[in-house]
Amino acid sequence: MVSSIGLKRRVLRDDVVEHIVGSILKGHLKPGDKIVETRISRELQVSQGAVREAIRDLTARGFVETEPYKGSRVKVLSSDELYDYFAVRSELEPLALSWGYELNRIDIDGLMSAVESMYAGVERKDMTALGQADLDFHRTIMECSGNGSLVRSWEALANDYWMFTLVKQHLEDGVDLGAHAQEHREIVDAVKAGDLDLTKELLRNHYSL
């Protein structure tokens, strides 16, 4: 049973996480900016312990990088890291779909639900909702594999940070986010048609730079 103190600490940590992620997405915190624990503690009226827990969480999720004696900063997105990230995902997700087809575990309803949420996020220009729906879509693909080790390998890529940062970057660059959502609908259409080869091709094209 979780104690009331432990539950309160977790809620406070989650509030701080949401605040920092929101600041990154809104551009108040930019890549390379230092995250000042005392300032956040004062702004949110929470303990520095809650802020430190949130920073540890965000470091694990890839939003933040921390160095001893230098503190924590918003992670800087490098082109090399981005290329490596997409190269790995473009192999993992088609593999997960292949296994999903073999096991008859393709969750079409889950994929369609994520696509609908993406369109809703586009309509509201809600980057957080769009990024989360995009992440849910690709996580659903991975879970179709029925292989926990494969899913954990995918999760270890710090998908939260990359997805939310890319959605923000797309919006700033004037990319048509509706077309981005449409790419996901086309993937679902190929899945529905049972065309594994086309689905794999669309996924790999989705990740091409």
N, C-alpha and C. Protein backbone atom coordinates (compact mmCIF):
# COMPACT_ATOMS: atom_id res chain seq x y z
N MET A 1 0.85 -1.21 0.00
CA MET A 1 0.00 0.00 0.00
C MET A 1 0.88 1.25 0.00
N VAL A 2 0.56 2.22 -0.85
CA VAL A 2 1.34 3.45 -0.95
C VAL A 2 0.93 4.40 0.17
N SER A 3 1.92 4.91 0.91
CA SER A 3 1.60 5.84 2.00
C SER A 3 1.14 7.17 1.43
N SER A 4 0.41 7.94 2.26
CA SER A 4 -0.07 9.25 1.80
C SER A 4 1.09 10.18 1.49
N ILE A 5 2.19 10.04 2.25
CA ILE A 5 3.36 10.88 2.01
C ILE A 5 4.00 10.52 0.67
N GLY A 6 4.12 9.20 0.41
CA GLY A 6 4.71 8.77 -0.85
C GLY A 6 3.87 9.19 -2.04
N LEU A 7 2.54 9.10 -1.89
CA LEU A 7 1.64 9.51 -2.97
C LEU A 7 1.75 11.00 -3.23
N LYS A 8 1.83 11.79 -2.16
CA LYS A 8 1.94 13.24 -2.32
C LYS A 8 3.23 13.61 -3.04
N ARG A 9 4.34 12.93 -2.67
CA ARG A 9 5.62 13.21 -3.32
C ARG A 9 5.55 12.90 -4.81
N ARG A 10 4.88 11.79 -5.15
CA ARG A 10 4.77 11.40 -6.55
C ARG A 10 3.94 12.42 -7.33
N VAL A 11 2.85 12.89 -6.72
CA VAL A 11 2.01 13.89 -7.37
C VAL A 11 2.79 15.18 -7.60
N LEU A 12 3.55 15.61 -6.59
CA LEU A 12 4.36 16.82 -6.72
C LEU A 12 5.39 16.66 -7.82
N ARG A 13 6.05 15.50 -7.86
CA ARG A 13 7.04 15.25 -8.90
C ARG A 13 6.40 15.33 -10.28
N ASP A 14 5.22 14.72 -10.43
CA ASP A 14 4.53 14.74 -11.72
C ASP A 14 4.15 16.17 -12.12
N ASP A 15 3.77 16.99 -11.14
CA ASP A 15 3.45 18.39 -11.42
C ASP A 15 4.67 19.14 -11.95
N VAL A 16 5.82 18.86 -11.34
CA VAL A 16 7.06 19.52 -11.76
C VAL A 16 7.45 19.05 -13.16
N VAL A 17 7.31 17.75 -13.41
CA VAL A 17 7.61 17.20 -14.74
C VAL A 17 6.75 17.90 -15.79
N GLU A 18 5.46 18.01 -15.52
CA GLU A 18 4.54 18.65 -16.47
C GLU A 18 4.94 20.11 -16.71
N HIS A 19 5.34 20.79 -15.65
CA HIS A 19 5.75 22.20 -15.76
C HIS A 19 6.99 22.35 -16.64
N ILE A 20 7.99 21.50 -16.41
CA ILE A 20 9.24 21.61 -17.17
C ILE A 20 9.01 21.24 -18.64
N VAL A 21 8.28 20.16 -18.88
CA VAL A 21 7.99 19.76 -20.26
C VAL A 21 7.20 20.86 -20.97
N GLY A 22 6.22 21.43 -20.28
CA GLY A 22 5.44 22.52 -20.87
C GLY A 22 6.32 23.71 -21.21
N SER A 23 7.27 24.02 -20.34
CA SER A 23 8.18 25.15 -20.58
C SER A 23 9.06 24.89 -21.80
N ILE A 24 9.46 23.63 -21.99
CA ILE A 24 10.27 23.27 -23.16
C ILE A 24 9.45 23.41 -24.44
N LEU A 25 8.23 22.87 -24.42
CA LEU A 25 7.39 22.89 -25.61
C LEU A 25 6.96 24.30 -26.00
N LYS A 26 6.78 25.16 -25.00
CA LYS A 26 6.37 26.54 -25.28
C LYS A 26 7.54 27.44 -25.61
N GLY A 27 8.76 26.90 -25.51
CA GLY A 27 9.94 27.69 -25.86
C GLY A 27 10.47 28.54 -24.73
N HIS A 28 9.88 28.42 -23.53
CA HIS A 28 10.39 29.17 -22.39
C HIS A 28 11.73 28.61 -21.93
N LEU A 29 11.90 27.31 -22.11
CA LEU A 29 13.19 26.66 -21.88
C LEU A 29 13.67 26.12 -23.22
N LYS A 30 14.84 26.53 -23.66
CA LYS A 30 15.36 26.12 -24.96
C LYS A 30 16.48 25.11 -24.78
N PRO A 31 16.78 24.34 -25.85
CA PRO A 31 17.88 23.38 -25.76
C PRO A 31 19.16 24.04 -25.27
N GLY A 32 19.76 23.44 -24.26
CA GLY A 32 20.99 23.99 -23.68
C GLY A 32 20.75 24.87 -22.47
N ASP A 33 19.50 25.31 -22.25
CA ASP A 33 19.21 26.15 -21.09
C ASP A 33 19.37 25.36 -19.80
N LYS A 34 19.93 26.03 -18.79
CA LYS A 34 20.11 25.39 -17.49
C LYS A 34 18.78 25.34 -16.75
N ILE A 35 18.54 24.24 -16.06
CA ILE A 35 17.33 24.10 -15.24
C ILE A 35 17.72 24.40 -13.80
N VAL A 36 17.20 25.48 -13.27
CA VAL A 36 17.57 25.95 -11.93
C VAL A 36 16.56 25.42 -10.92
N GLU A 37 17.01 24.50 -10.08
CA GLU A 37 16.12 23.85 -9.12
C GLU A 37 15.45 24.85 -8.19
N THR A 38 16.23 25.81 -7.68
CA THR A 38 15.68 26.76 -6.70
C THR A 38 14.59 27.62 -7.33
N ARG A 39 14.77 27.99 -8.60
CA ARG A 39 13.77 28.83 -9.26
C ARG A 39 12.46 28.07 -9.45
N ILE A 40 12.57 26.82 -9.90
CA ILE A 40 11.36 26.02 -10.12
C ILE A 40 10.68 25.73 -8.78
N SER A 41 11.48 25.44 -7.77
CA SER A 41 10.93 25.19 -6.44
C SER A 41 10.13 26.39 -5.94
N ARG A 42 10.68 27.58 -6.19
CA ARG A 42 10.01 28.81 -5.74
C ARG A 42 8.76 29.08 -6.57
N GLU A 43 8.85 28.89 -7.89
CA GLU A 43 7.71 29.16 -8.77
C GLU A 43 6.52 28.26 -8.46
N LEU A 44 6.80 26.98 -8.20
CA LEU A 44 5.73 26.01 -7.99
C LEU A 44 5.41 25.79 -6.51
N GLN A 45 6.23 26.40 -5.65
CA GLN A 45 6.05 26.25 -4.20
C GLN A 45 6.09 24.78 -3.79
N VAL A 46 7.13 24.10 -4.28
CA VAL A 46 7.37 22.71 -3.91
C VAL A 46 8.80 22.60 -3.40
N SER A 47 9.11 21.48 -2.78
CA SER A 47 10.46 21.29 -2.25
C SER A 47 11.46 21.05 -3.38
N GLN A 48 12.73 21.33 -3.10
CA GLN A 48 13.76 21.04 -4.10
C GLN A 48 13.90 19.54 -4.32
N GLY A 49 13.51 18.76 -3.30
CA GLY A 49 13.53 17.31 -3.46
C GLY A 49 12.59 16.85 -4.57
N ALA A 50 11.39 17.46 -4.62
CA ALA A 50 10.43 17.12 -5.67
C ALA A 50 10.97 17.53 -7.04
N VAL A 51 11.67 18.66 -7.08
CA VAL A 51 12.25 19.12 -8.35
C VAL A 51 13.35 18.17 -8.80
N ARG A 52 14.19 17.73 -7.85
CA ARG A 52 15.27 16.81 -8.20
C ARG A 52 14.72 15.48 -8.71
N GLU A 53 13.63 14.99 -8.10
CA GLU A 53 13.01 13.75 -8.56
C GLU A 53 12.49 13.92 -9.99
N ALA A 54 11.88 15.08 -10.25
CA ALA A 54 11.36 15.35 -11.59
C ALA A 54 12.49 15.39 -12.62
N ILE A 55 13.60 16.00 -12.24
CA ILE A 55 14.75 16.10 -13.15
C ILE A 55 15.32 14.71 -13.44
N ARG A 56 15.36 13.85 -12.42
CA ARG A 56 15.83 12.48 -12.65
C ARG A 56 14.92 11.76 -13.63
N ASP A 57 13.61 11.96 -13.46
CA ASP A 57 12.63 11.35 -14.36
C ASP A 57 12.84 11.85 -15.79
N LEU A 58 13.01 13.16 -15.95
CA LEU A 58 13.17 13.75 -17.28
C LEU A 58 14.51 13.39 -17.91
N THR A 59 15.51 13.15 -17.08
CA THR A 59 16.80 12.69 -17.60
C THR A 59 16.64 11.29 -18.20
N ALA A 60 15.91 10.44 -17.48
CA ALA A 60 15.67 9.07 -17.98
C ALA A 60 14.85 9.09 -19.26
N ARG A 61 13.95 10.07 -19.40
CA ARG A 61 13.10 10.16 -20.58
C ARG A 61 13.75 10.93 -21.72
N GLY A 62 14.95 11.47 -21.48
CA GLY A 62 15.69 12.11 -22.56
C GLY A 62 15.46 13.59 -22.73
N PHE A 63 14.63 14.21 -21.89
CA PHE A 63 14.39 15.64 -22.02
C PHE A 63 15.56 16.47 -21.48
N VAL A 64 16.25 15.90 -20.51
CA VAL A 64 17.26 16.66 -19.76
C VAL A 64 18.56 15.87 -19.74
N GLU A 65 19.69 16.58 -19.75
CA GLU A 65 20.98 15.93 -19.55
C GLU A 65 21.64 16.56 -18.33
N THR A 66 22.21 15.71 -17.48
CA THR A 66 22.79 16.17 -16.22
C THR A 66 24.25 15.76 -16.14
N GLU A 67 25.10 16.71 -15.74
CA GLU A 67 26.52 16.44 -15.56
C GLU A 67 26.91 16.77 -14.13
N PRO A 68 27.75 15.93 -13.52
CA PRO A 68 28.21 16.22 -12.15
C PRO A 68 28.88 17.59 -12.07
N TYR A 69 28.53 18.33 -11.05
CA TYR A 69 29.09 19.66 -10.76
C TYR A 69 28.71 20.74 -11.78
N LYS A 70 27.95 20.36 -12.81
CA LYS A 70 27.52 21.35 -13.80
C LYS A 70 26.01 21.55 -13.81
N GLY A 71 25.29 20.64 -13.18
CA GLY A 71 23.84 20.77 -13.13
C GLY A 71 23.14 20.15 -14.32
N SER A 72 21.88 20.53 -14.50
CA SER A 72 21.03 19.94 -15.53
C SER A 72 20.64 20.97 -16.58
N ARG A 73 20.59 20.52 -17.82
CA ARG A 73 20.21 21.39 -18.92
C ARG A 73 19.22 20.67 -19.83
N VAL A 74 18.45 21.46 -20.58
CA VAL A 74 17.56 20.88 -21.59
C VAL A 74 18.44 20.25 -22.66
N LYS A 75 18.11 19.03 -23.02
CA LYS A 75 18.93 18.29 -23.98
C LYS A 75 18.98 19.00 -25.32
N VAL A 76 20.16 19.03 -25.91
CA VAL A 76 20.35 19.62 -27.23
C VAL A 76 20.16 18.53 -28.28
N LEU A 77 19.32 18.81 -29.26
CA LEU A 77 19.01 17.86 -30.32
C LEU A 77 20.06 17.96 -31.42
N SER A 78 20.89 16.93 -31.59
CA SER A 78 21.91 16.95 -32.64
C SER A 78 21.42 16.17 -33.85
N SER A 79 21.88 16.55 -35.03
CA SER A 79 21.46 15.88 -36.26
C SER A 79 21.94 14.43 -36.29
N ASP A 80 23.13 14.18 -35.74
CA ASP A 80 23.65 12.80 -35.72
C ASP A 80 22.79 11.91 -34.83
N GLU A 81 22.42 12.42 -33.66
CA GLU A 81 21.57 11.65 -32.75
C GLU A 81 20.21 11.39 -33.39
N LEU A 82 19.68 12.40 -34.08
CA LEU A 82 18.39 12.27 -34.73
C LEU A 82 18.44 11.18 -35.81
N TYR A 83 19.51 11.18 -36.59
CA TYR A 83 19.66 10.17 -37.64
C TYR A 83 19.73 8.77 -37.02
N ASP A 84 20.55 8.63 -35.97
CA ASP A 84 20.69 7.33 -35.32
C ASP A 84 19.36 6.86 -34.73
N TYR A 85 18.64 7.80 -34.14
CA TYR A 85 17.35 7.49 -33.51
C TYR A 85 16.36 6.96 -34.55
N PHE A 86 16.24 7.66 -35.68
CA PHE A 86 15.31 7.23 -36.71
C PHE A 86 15.75 5.92 -37.36
N ALA A 87 17.06 5.74 -37.50
CA ALA A 87 17.56 4.51 -38.11
C ALA A 87 17.15 3.29 -37.28
N VAL A 88 17.23 3.42 -35.96
CA VAL A 88 16.86 2.29 -35.09
C VAL A 88 15.35 2.07 -35.11
N ARG A 89 14.59 3.16 -35.00
CA ARG A 89 13.13 3.00 -34.99
C ARG A 89 12.61 2.44 -36.31
N SER A 90 13.26 2.81 -37.42
CA SER A 90 12.79 2.33 -38.73
C SER A 90 13.02 0.83 -38.90
N GLU A 91 13.83 0.24 -38.02
CA GLU A 91 14.02 -1.21 -38.04
C GLU A 91 13.16 -1.91 -36.99
N LEU A 92 13.06 -1.30 -35.81
CA LEU A 92 12.31 -1.94 -34.71
C LEU A 92 10.82 -2.05 -35.01
N GLU A 93 10.23 -0.99 -35.54
CA GLU A 93 8.77 -0.99 -35.71
C GLU A 93 8.29 -1.94 -36.81
N PRO A 94 8.96 -1.99 -37.97
CA PRO A 94 8.56 -3.01 -38.95
C PRO A 94 8.72 -4.43 -38.41
N LEU A 95 9.76 -4.65 -37.60
CA LEU A 95 9.95 -5.97 -36.99
C LEU A 95 8.79 -6.30 -36.05
N ALA A 96 8.39 -5.30 -35.24
CA ALA A 96 7.27 -5.51 -34.32
C ALA A 96 5.99 -5.84 -35.08
N LEU A 97 5.76 -5.16 -36.20
CA LEU A 97 4.57 -5.44 -37.00
C LEU A 97 4.61 -6.85 -37.60
N SER A 98 5.79 -7.26 -38.06
CA SER A 98 5.92 -8.61 -38.62
C SER A 98 5.52 -9.66 -37.59
N TRP A 99 6.01 -9.50 -36.37
CA TRP A 99 5.65 -10.45 -35.32
C TRP A 99 4.18 -10.34 -34.96
N GLY A 100 3.65 -9.10 -35.00
CA GLY A 100 2.24 -8.91 -34.71
C GLY A 100 1.35 -9.62 -35.70
N TYR A 101 1.72 -9.58 -36.99
CA TYR A 101 0.96 -10.29 -38.02
C TYR A 101 1.02 -11.80 -37.77
N GLU A 102 2.20 -12.29 -37.45
CA GLU A 102 2.36 -13.73 -37.22
C GLU A 102 1.51 -14.21 -36.04
N LEU A 103 1.41 -13.35 -35.01
CA LEU A 103 0.68 -13.73 -33.80
C LEU A 103 -0.78 -13.28 -33.82
N ASN A 104 -1.18 -12.62 -34.92
CA ASN A 104 -2.54 -12.08 -35.04
C ASN A 104 -2.86 -11.14 -33.87
N ARG A 105 -1.91 -10.24 -33.58
CA ARG A 105 -2.04 -9.32 -32.46
C ARG A 105 -2.14 -7.86 -32.91
N ILE A 106 -2.45 -7.60 -34.16
CA ILE A 106 -2.49 -6.22 -34.65
C ILE A 106 -3.68 -5.48 -34.04
N ASP A 107 -3.41 -4.39 -33.34
CA ASP A 107 -4.44 -3.63 -32.64
C ASP A 107 -4.88 -2.45 -33.53
N ILE A 108 -5.75 -2.74 -34.49
CA ILE A 108 -6.20 -1.69 -35.42
C ILE A 108 -6.99 -0.62 -34.69
N ASP A 109 -7.83 -1.01 -33.74
CA ASP A 109 -8.62 -0.02 -32.99
C ASP A 109 -7.70 0.94 -32.23
N GLY A 110 -6.65 0.40 -31.62
CA GLY A 110 -5.72 1.25 -30.88
C GLY A 110 -4.99 2.21 -31.80
N LEU A 111 -4.60 1.73 -32.98
CA LEU A 111 -3.91 2.59 -33.95
C LEU A 111 -4.83 3.70 -34.45
N MET A 112 -6.09 3.35 -34.76
CA MET A 112 -7.04 4.35 -35.25
C MET A 112 -7.36 5.38 -34.18
N SER A 113 -7.46 4.94 -32.94
CA SER A 113 -7.73 5.87 -31.84
C SER A 113 -6.60 6.89 -31.73
N ALA A 114 -5.36 6.43 -31.87
CA ALA A 114 -4.22 7.35 -31.80
C ALA A 114 -4.24 8.33 -32.97
N VAL A 115 -4.59 7.86 -34.16
CA VAL A 115 -4.66 8.75 -35.33
C VAL A 115 -5.73 9.82 -35.13
N GLU A 116 -6.88 9.42 -34.63
CA GLU A 116 -7.95 10.39 -34.38
C GLU A 116 -7.51 11.44 -33.36
N SER A 117 -6.76 10.99 -32.35
CA SER A 117 -6.25 11.94 -31.35
C SER A 117 -5.22 12.88 -31.97
N MET A 118 -4.46 12.37 -32.94
CA MET A 118 -3.49 13.23 -33.64
C MET A 118 -4.22 14.34 -34.40
N TYR A 119 -5.27 13.96 -35.13
CA TYR A 119 -6.03 14.97 -35.88
C TYR A 119 -6.65 16.00 -34.94
N ALA A 120 -7.12 15.54 -33.79
CA ALA A 120 -7.69 16.47 -32.81
C ALA A 120 -6.63 17.44 -32.31
N GLY A 121 -5.41 16.93 -32.08
CA GLY A 121 -4.32 17.78 -31.64
C GLY A 121 -3.93 18.79 -32.71
N VAL A 122 -3.95 18.36 -33.98
CA VAL A 122 -3.65 19.27 -35.09
C VAL A 122 -4.67 20.39 -35.15
N GLU A 123 -5.94 20.02 -35.02
CA GLU A 123 -7.02 21.01 -35.10
C GLU A 123 -6.90 22.06 -34.00
N ARG A 124 -6.50 21.62 -32.80
CA ARG A 124 -6.38 22.55 -31.67
C ARG A 124 -5.00 23.21 -31.60
N LYS A 125 -4.09 22.77 -32.49
CA LYS A 125 -2.69 23.21 -32.44
C LYS A 125 -2.10 22.95 -31.06
N ASP A 126 -2.45 21.79 -30.54
CA ASP A 126 -2.00 21.36 -29.22
C ASP A 126 -0.82 20.41 -29.41
N MET A 127 0.40 20.95 -29.27
CA MET A 127 1.59 20.16 -29.54
C MET A 127 1.74 19.00 -28.57
N THR A 128 1.36 19.23 -27.32
CA THR A 128 1.49 18.17 -26.32
C THR A 128 0.58 17.00 -26.67
N ALA A 129 -0.68 17.30 -27.01
CA ALA A 129 -1.63 16.24 -27.36
C ALA A 129 -1.20 15.53 -28.64
N LEU A 130 -0.72 16.29 -29.61
CA LEU A 130 -0.29 15.68 -30.87
C LEU A 130 0.92 14.78 -30.65
N GLY A 131 1.89 15.27 -29.88
CA GLY A 131 3.08 14.47 -29.60
C GLY A 131 2.73 13.20 -28.85
N GLN A 132 1.81 13.31 -27.88
CA GLN A 132 1.42 12.13 -27.10
C GLN A 132 0.69 11.12 -27.97
N ALA A 133 -0.19 11.61 -28.85
CA ALA A 133 -0.93 10.70 -29.73
C ALA A 133 0.02 10.00 -30.70
N ASP A 134 0.99 10.75 -31.21
CA ASP A 134 2.00 10.17 -32.11
C ASP A 134 2.77 9.07 -31.38
N LEU A 135 3.16 9.37 -30.16
CA LEU A 135 3.89 8.39 -29.35
C LEU A 135 3.03 7.16 -29.07
N ASP A 136 1.74 7.38 -28.77
CA ASP A 136 0.82 6.26 -28.51
C ASP A 136 0.68 5.37 -29.74
N PHE A 137 0.65 5.99 -30.92
CA PHE A 137 0.52 5.24 -32.17
C PHE A 137 1.69 4.26 -32.32
N HIS A 138 2.90 4.78 -32.16
CA HIS A 138 4.08 3.95 -32.38
C HIS A 138 4.29 2.95 -31.24
N ARG A 139 3.88 3.32 -30.03
CA ARG A 139 3.95 2.35 -28.93
C ARG A 139 2.98 1.19 -29.19
N THR A 140 1.81 1.50 -29.73
CA THR A 140 0.84 0.44 -30.06
C THR A 140 1.43 -0.53 -31.08
N ILE A 141 2.14 0.01 -32.07
CA ILE A 141 2.81 -0.85 -33.05
C ILE A 141 3.77 -1.80 -32.34
N MET A 142 4.57 -1.25 -31.43
CA MET A 142 5.56 -2.07 -30.74
C MET A 142 4.89 -3.14 -29.89
N GLU A 143 3.80 -2.79 -29.22
CA GLU A 143 3.12 -3.74 -28.34
C GLU A 143 2.45 -4.86 -29.12
N CYS A 144 2.18 -4.62 -30.41
CA CYS A 144 1.61 -5.69 -31.24
C CYS A 144 2.56 -6.88 -31.34
N SER A 145 3.84 -6.64 -31.11
CA SER A 145 4.83 -7.72 -31.24
C SER A 145 4.65 -8.80 -30.20
N GLY A 146 4.06 -8.44 -29.05
CA GLY A 146 3.92 -9.40 -27.96
C GLY A 146 5.24 -9.74 -27.31
N ASN A 147 6.27 -8.93 -27.59
CA ASN A 147 7.61 -9.22 -27.08
C ASN A 147 8.06 -8.08 -26.17
N GLY A 148 8.09 -8.36 -24.87
CA GLY A 148 8.44 -7.32 -23.90
C GLY A 148 9.83 -6.77 -24.08
N SER A 149 10.78 -7.61 -24.46
CA SER A 149 12.16 -7.15 -24.65
C SER A 149 12.25 -6.16 -25.80
N LEU A 150 11.50 -6.43 -26.87
CA LEU A 150 11.51 -5.53 -28.02
C LEU A 150 10.89 -4.18 -27.64
N VAL A 151 9.79 -4.22 -26.89
CA VAL A 151 9.14 -2.98 -26.45
C VAL A 151 10.07 -2.17 -25.56
N ARG A 152 10.76 -2.85 -24.65
CA ARG A 152 11.69 -2.14 -23.75
C ARG A 152 12.85 -1.53 -24.52
N SER A 153 13.30 -2.20 -25.56
CA SER A 153 14.37 -1.64 -26.40
C SER A 153 13.91 -0.34 -27.06
N TRP A 154 12.67 -0.35 -27.51
CA TRP A 154 12.08 0.85 -28.13
C TRP A 154 11.94 1.97 -27.11
N GLU A 155 11.45 1.62 -25.91
CA GLU A 155 11.25 2.63 -24.86
C GLU A 155 12.57 3.24 -24.41
N ALA A 156 13.65 2.48 -24.50
CA ALA A 156 14.96 2.96 -24.06
C ALA A 156 15.50 4.07 -24.96
N LEU A 157 14.82 4.33 -26.08
CA LEU A 157 15.29 5.36 -27.01
C LEU A 157 14.90 6.77 -26.58
N ALA A 158 14.30 6.91 -25.39
CA ALA A 158 13.87 8.23 -24.90
C ALA A 158 12.90 8.87 -25.89
N ASN A 159 11.87 8.12 -26.27
CA ASN A 159 10.93 8.56 -27.30
C ASN A 159 10.18 9.83 -26.93
N ASP A 160 9.88 10.02 -25.64
CA ASP A 160 9.11 11.20 -25.24
C ASP A 160 9.77 12.47 -25.74
N TYR A 161 11.04 12.62 -25.43
CA TYR A 161 11.74 13.87 -25.77
C TYR A 161 11.78 14.08 -27.27
N TRP A 162 12.19 13.04 -27.99
CA TRP A 162 12.33 13.19 -29.43
C TRP A 162 11.00 13.53 -30.09
N MET A 163 9.94 12.84 -29.69
CA MET A 163 8.65 13.05 -30.33
C MET A 163 8.13 14.46 -30.08
N PHE A 164 8.16 14.89 -28.82
CA PHE A 164 7.63 16.21 -28.50
C PHE A 164 8.49 17.32 -29.12
N THR A 165 9.80 17.12 -29.13
CA THR A 165 10.69 18.12 -29.71
C THR A 165 10.47 18.23 -31.22
N LEU A 166 10.29 17.09 -31.87
CA LEU A 166 10.09 17.11 -33.32
C LEU A 166 8.76 17.75 -33.69
N VAL A 167 7.72 17.48 -32.92
CA VAL A 167 6.42 18.12 -33.19
C VAL A 167 6.56 19.63 -33.06
N LYS A 168 7.25 20.07 -32.02
CA LYS A 168 7.47 21.51 -31.82
C LYS A 168 8.27 22.09 -32.98
N GLN A 169 9.30 21.37 -33.40
CA GLN A 169 10.14 21.83 -34.51
C GLN A 169 9.34 21.91 -35.80
N HIS A 170 8.49 20.90 -36.04
CA HIS A 170 7.64 20.90 -37.24
C HIS A 170 6.75 22.13 -37.26
N LEU A 171 6.16 22.45 -36.11
CA LEU A 171 5.25 23.59 -36.04
C LEU A 171 6.00 24.89 -36.33
N GLU A 172 7.19 25.02 -35.75
CA GLU A 172 7.99 26.23 -35.96
C GLU A 172 8.44 26.35 -37.41
N ASP A 173 8.70 25.21 -38.07
CA ASP A 173 9.17 25.22 -39.45
C ASP A 173 8.04 25.34 -40.46
N GLY A 174 6.80 25.38 -39.98
CA GLY A 174 5.67 25.51 -40.88
C GLY A 174 5.29 24.22 -41.57
N VAL A 175 5.72 23.09 -41.02
CA VAL A 175 5.37 21.79 -41.61
C VAL A 175 3.87 21.56 -41.45
N ASP A 176 3.25 20.98 -42.47
CA ASP A 176 1.81 20.68 -42.43
C ASP A 176 1.59 19.50 -41.50
N LEU A 177 1.15 19.79 -40.28
CA LEU A 177 0.96 18.72 -39.30
C LEU A 177 -0.22 17.82 -39.68
N GLY A 178 -1.15 18.36 -40.47
CA GLY A 178 -2.24 17.52 -40.96
C GLY A 178 -1.70 16.42 -41.87
N ALA A 179 -0.72 16.77 -42.70
CA ALA A 179 -0.09 15.77 -43.58
C ALA A 179 0.68 14.75 -42.75
N HIS A 180 1.27 15.22 -41.66
CA HIS A 180 1.99 14.32 -40.76
C HIS A 180 1.02 13.29 -40.17
N ALA A 181 -0.15 13.75 -39.76
CA ALA A 181 -1.17 12.83 -39.23
C ALA A 181 -1.66 11.89 -40.33
N GLN A 182 -1.78 12.42 -41.55
CA GLN A 182 -2.26 11.61 -42.67
C GLN A 182 -1.31 10.44 -42.96
N GLU A 183 -0.01 10.66 -42.78
CA GLU A 183 0.95 9.56 -42.96
C GLU A 183 0.60 8.38 -42.05
N HIS A 184 0.18 8.71 -40.84
CA HIS A 184 -0.17 7.65 -39.89
C HIS A 184 -1.47 6.95 -40.31
N ARG A 185 -2.41 7.71 -40.85
CA ARG A 185 -3.65 7.09 -41.33
C ARG A 185 -3.35 6.12 -42.48
N GLU A 186 -2.43 6.50 -43.35
CA GLU A 186 -2.07 5.63 -44.48
C GLU A 186 -1.42 4.34 -43.99
N ILE A 187 -0.65 4.44 -42.91
CA ILE A 187 -0.06 3.24 -42.33
C ILE A 187 -1.16 2.31 -41.82
N VAL A 188 -2.16 2.90 -41.15
CA VAL A 188 -3.28 2.09 -40.64
C VAL A 188 -4.05 1.45 -41.79
N ASP A 189 -4.26 2.20 -42.88
CA ASP A 189 -4.98 1.65 -44.03
C ASP A 189 -4.24 0.43 -44.59
N ALA A 190 -2.90 0.51 -44.63
CA ALA A 190 -2.12 -0.62 -45.13
C ALA A 190 -2.22 -1.81 -44.17
N VAL A 191 -2.24 -1.50 -42.87
CA VAL A 191 -2.40 -2.57 -41.87
C VAL A 191 -3.75 -3.25 -42.04
N LYS A 192 -4.81 -2.43 -42.20
CA LYS A 192 -6.15 -2.98 -42.39
C LYS A 192 -6.23 -3.88 -43.61
N ALA A 193 -5.51 -3.49 -44.67
CA ALA A 193 -5.53 -4.27 -45.91
C ALA A 193 -4.70 -5.55 -45.79
N GLY A 194 -3.98 -5.68 -44.68
CA GLY A 194 -3.15 -6.87 -44.49
C GLY A 194 -1.91 -6.87 -45.36
N ASP A 195 -1.51 -5.69 -45.84
CA ASP A 195 -0.35 -5.58 -46.73
C ASP A 195 0.89 -5.27 -45.90
N LEU A 196 1.56 -6.30 -45.43
CA LEU A 196 2.71 -6.12 -44.55
C LEU A 196 3.86 -5.40 -45.26
N ASP A 197 4.11 -5.76 -46.51
CA ASP A 197 5.22 -5.13 -47.24
C ASP A 197 5.00 -3.63 -47.39
N LEU A 198 3.77 -3.23 -47.75
CA LEU A 198 3.47 -1.81 -47.90
C LEU A 198 3.56 -1.10 -46.55
N THR A 199 3.06 -1.76 -45.50
CA THR A 199 3.11 -1.16 -44.16
C THR A 199 4.55 -0.89 -43.75
N LYS A 200 5.43 -1.86 -43.98
CA LYS A 200 6.85 -1.68 -43.65
C LYS A 200 7.46 -0.54 -44.46
N GLU A 201 7.11 -0.48 -45.74
CA GLU A 201 7.64 0.58 -46.60
C GLU A 201 7.19 1.96 -46.11
N LEU A 202 5.91 2.08 -45.75
CA LEU A 202 5.39 3.35 -45.27
C LEU A 202 6.06 3.76 -43.96
N LEU A 203 6.29 2.80 -43.08
CA LEU A 203 6.95 3.09 -41.81
C LEU A 203 8.38 3.59 -42.05
N ARG A 204 9.09 2.90 -42.93
CA ARG A 204 10.49 3.31 -43.18
C ARG A 204 10.53 4.68 -43.86
N ASN A 205 9.59 4.94 -44.77
CA ASN A 205 9.52 6.26 -45.41
C ASN A 205 9.19 7.34 -44.39
N HIS A 206 8.36 6.98 -43.42
CA HIS A 206 7.97 7.92 -42.36
C HIS A 206 9.19 8.39 -41.58
N TYR A 207 10.19 7.52 -41.47
CA TYR A 207 11.38 7.86 -40.69
C TYR A 207 12.55 8.32 -41.55
N SER A 208 12.35 8.44 -42.85
CA SER A 208 13.46 8.86 -43.71
C SER A 208 13.75 10.34 -43.50
N LEU A 209 15.04 10.70 -43.54
CA LEU A 209 15.46 12.09 -43.33
C LEU A 209 15.83 12.73 -44.66
